[in-house]
Amino acid sequence: MVEHGYYLVFGSSTVEIFDDRSMKNLVAKVSMTGNRCFPLSLKYANSVAMKATIEEST
């Protein structure tokens, strides 16, 4: 996750995952299990498609 730009904060048997350096947008909070791992599984609720256009003015 770190290689993809996320910021992880470990403490109190949890890890909090933020999407950027500002640490304002919490993506997930995961509790530590008995074997000292932080299992995370994400499921997509809905598929979303977005479209953007760029117009150039001369």
N, C-alpha and C. Protein backbone atom coordinates (compact mmCIF):
# COMPACT_ATOMS: atom_id res chain seq x y z
N MET A 1 0.81 -1.18 0.00
CA MET A 1 0.00 0.00 0.00
C MET A 1 0.86 1.25 0.00
N VAL A 2 1.97 1.21 0.69
CA VAL A 2 2.87 2.36 0.74
C VAL A 2 3.40 2.66 -0.66
N GLU A 3 3.68 1.63 -1.44
CA GLU A 3 4.19 1.82 -2.80
C GLU A 3 3.15 2.49 -3.70
N HIS A 4 1.89 2.45 -3.33
CA HIS A 4 0.83 3.06 -4.12
C HIS A 4 0.38 4.40 -3.55
N GLY A 5 1.14 4.95 -2.60
CA GLY A 5 0.89 6.30 -2.11
C GLY A 5 0.01 6.42 -0.88
N TYR A 6 -0.35 5.31 -0.27
CA TYR A 6 -1.16 5.37 0.94
C TYR A 6 -0.27 5.59 2.16
N TYR A 7 -0.84 6.15 3.21
CA TYR A 7 -0.12 6.39 4.46
C TYR A 7 -0.75 5.52 5.54
N LEU A 8 0.09 4.75 6.24
CA LEU A 8 -0.39 3.82 7.26
C LEU A 8 0.09 4.29 8.63
N VAL A 9 -0.83 4.31 9.59
CA VAL A 9 -0.50 4.70 10.96
C VAL A 9 -0.86 3.54 11.86
N PHE A 10 0.16 2.97 12.53
CA PHE A 10 -0.02 1.82 13.41
C PHE A 10 -0.08 2.28 14.86
N GLY A 11 -0.99 1.68 15.64
CA GLY A 11 -1.07 1.97 17.06
C GLY A 11 -2.31 1.35 17.67
N SER A 12 -2.24 1.04 18.96
CA SER A 12 -3.38 0.48 19.71
C SER A 12 -4.01 -0.73 19.02
N SER A 13 -3.20 -1.62 18.50
CA SER A 13 -3.65 -2.85 17.84
C SER A 13 -4.51 -2.61 16.60
N THR A 14 -4.35 -1.43 16.00
CA THR A 14 -5.05 -1.12 14.74
C THR A 14 -4.10 -0.44 13.78
N VAL A 15 -4.47 -0.44 12.52
CA VAL A 15 -3.77 0.36 11.52
C VAL A 15 -4.83 1.21 10.83
N GLU A 16 -4.53 2.49 10.67
CA GLU A 16 -5.40 3.40 9.94
C GLU A 16 -4.73 3.70 8.61
N ILE A 17 -5.50 3.62 7.54
CA ILE A 17 -4.97 3.80 6.19
C ILE A 17 -5.58 5.07 5.60
N PHE A 18 -4.72 6.00 5.21
CA PHE A 18 -5.14 7.27 4.63
C PHE A 18 -4.71 7.34 3.17
N ASP A 19 -5.43 8.13 2.37
CA ASP A 19 -5.13 8.16 0.94
C ASP A 19 -4.06 9.16 0.53
N ASP A 20 -3.63 10.05 1.43
CA ASP A 20 -2.54 10.96 1.08
C ASP A 20 -1.88 11.52 2.33
N ARG A 21 -0.89 12.34 2.12
CA ARG A 21 -0.07 12.89 3.20
C ARG A 21 -0.87 13.73 4.19
N SER A 22 -1.95 14.36 3.75
CA SER A 22 -2.72 15.23 4.65
C SER A 22 -3.40 14.43 5.76
N MET A 23 -3.58 13.14 5.54
CA MET A 23 -4.22 12.24 6.50
C MET A 23 -5.60 12.75 6.92
N LYS A 24 -6.33 13.32 5.98
CA LYS A 24 -7.69 13.80 6.25
C LYS A 24 -8.73 12.78 5.80
N ASN A 25 -8.42 11.96 4.81
CA ASN A 25 -9.39 11.02 4.28
C ASN A 25 -9.02 9.60 4.70
N LEU A 26 -9.69 9.10 5.73
CA LEU A 26 -9.45 7.75 6.23
C LEU A 26 -10.08 6.75 5.27
N VAL A 27 -9.27 5.86 4.72
CA VAL A 27 -9.76 4.86 3.78
C VAL A 27 -10.25 3.63 4.52
N ALA A 28 -9.48 3.18 5.51
CA ALA A 28 -9.85 1.97 6.26
C ALA A 28 -9.17 1.99 7.62
N LYS A 29 -9.81 1.32 8.58
CA LYS A 29 -9.22 1.11 9.90
C LYS A 29 -9.34 -0.39 10.16
N VAL A 30 -8.19 -1.05 10.37
CA VAL A 30 -8.15 -2.51 10.48
C VAL A 30 -7.58 -2.91 11.82
N SER A 31 -8.27 -3.82 12.49
CA SER A 31 -7.79 -4.33 13.78
C SER A 31 -6.81 -5.48 13.58
N MET A 32 -5.86 -5.60 14.50
CA MET A 32 -4.88 -6.67 14.47
C MET A 32 -5.54 -7.96 14.97
N THR A 33 -5.23 -9.07 14.30
CA THR A 33 -5.75 -10.37 14.73
C THR A 33 -4.77 -11.03 15.70
N GLY A 34 -5.14 -12.19 16.20
CA GLY A 34 -4.32 -12.91 17.17
C GLY A 34 -2.94 -13.30 16.66
N ASN A 35 -2.79 -13.44 15.35
CA ASN A 35 -1.48 -13.81 14.80
C ASN A 35 -0.69 -12.59 14.33
N ARG A 36 -1.07 -11.42 14.86
CA ARG A 36 -0.37 -10.15 14.60
C ARG A 36 -0.41 -9.72 13.13
N CYS A 37 -1.47 -10.04 12.46
CA CYS A 37 -1.68 -9.60 11.08
C CYS A 37 -2.82 -8.60 11.04
N PHE A 38 -2.88 -7.84 9.98
CA PHE A 38 -3.94 -6.87 9.76
C PHE A 38 -4.68 -7.25 8.47
N PRO A 39 -5.61 -8.19 8.55
CA PRO A 39 -6.29 -8.65 7.33
C PRO A 39 -7.24 -7.57 6.79
N LEU A 40 -7.12 -7.32 5.51
CA LEU A 40 -7.95 -6.30 4.87
C LEU A 40 -8.53 -6.89 3.60
N SER A 41 -9.83 -6.88 3.49
CA SER A 41 -10.47 -7.30 2.25
C SER A 41 -11.47 -6.22 1.86
N LEU A 42 -11.35 -5.77 0.63
CA LEU A 42 -12.22 -4.71 0.14
C LEU A 42 -13.18 -5.28 -0.88
N LYS A 43 -14.42 -4.86 -0.80
CA LYS A 43 -15.43 -5.29 -1.76
C LYS A 43 -16.03 -4.06 -2.41
N TYR A 44 -16.24 -4.14 -3.70
CA TYR A 44 -16.86 -3.04 -4.42
C TYR A 44 -18.36 -3.09 -4.21
N ALA A 45 -18.93 -1.98 -3.80
CA ALA A 45 -20.38 -1.91 -3.60
C ALA A 45 -21.09 -1.72 -4.94
N ASN A 46 -20.61 -0.80 -5.75
CA ASN A 46 -21.19 -0.50 -7.05
C ASN A 46 -20.08 -0.21 -8.04
N SER A 47 -20.30 -0.59 -9.27
CA SER A 47 -19.37 -0.21 -10.33
C SER A 47 -19.73 1.19 -10.79
N VAL A 48 -18.72 2.03 -10.92
CA VAL A 48 -18.96 3.42 -11.32
C VAL A 48 -18.05 3.75 -12.48
N ALA A 49 -18.61 4.38 -13.48
CA ALA A 49 -17.83 4.84 -14.62
C ALA A 49 -17.95 6.36 -14.68
N MET A 50 -16.84 7.01 -14.97
CA MET A 50 -16.86 8.46 -15.07
C MET A 50 -16.28 8.87 -16.41
N LYS A 51 -16.74 9.99 -16.92
CA LYS A 51 -16.29 10.48 -18.21
C LYS A 51 -15.89 11.94 -18.06
N ALA A 52 -14.79 12.29 -18.68
CA ALA A 52 -14.32 13.67 -18.63
C ALA A 52 -13.97 14.12 -20.04
N THR A 53 -14.19 15.39 -20.31
CA THR A 53 -13.81 15.94 -21.59
C THR A 53 -12.99 17.21 -21.36
N ILE A 54 -12.12 17.49 -22.29
CA ILE A 54 -11.28 18.68 -22.23
C ILE A 54 -11.55 19.50 -23.47
N GLU A 55 -11.90 20.75 -23.28
CA GLU A 55 -12.13 21.64 -24.40
C GLU A 55 -11.02 22.66 -24.43
N GLU A 56 -10.47 22.84 -25.61
CA GLU A 56 -9.42 23.84 -25.78
C GLU A 56 -9.99 25.08 -26.46
N SER A 57 -9.67 26.23 -25.93
CA SER A 57 -10.11 27.45 -26.59
C SER A 57 -8.88 28.12 -27.22
N THR A 58 -9.07 28.66 -28.41
CA THR A 58 -7.95 29.29 -29.12
C THR A 58 -7.96 30.77 -28.97
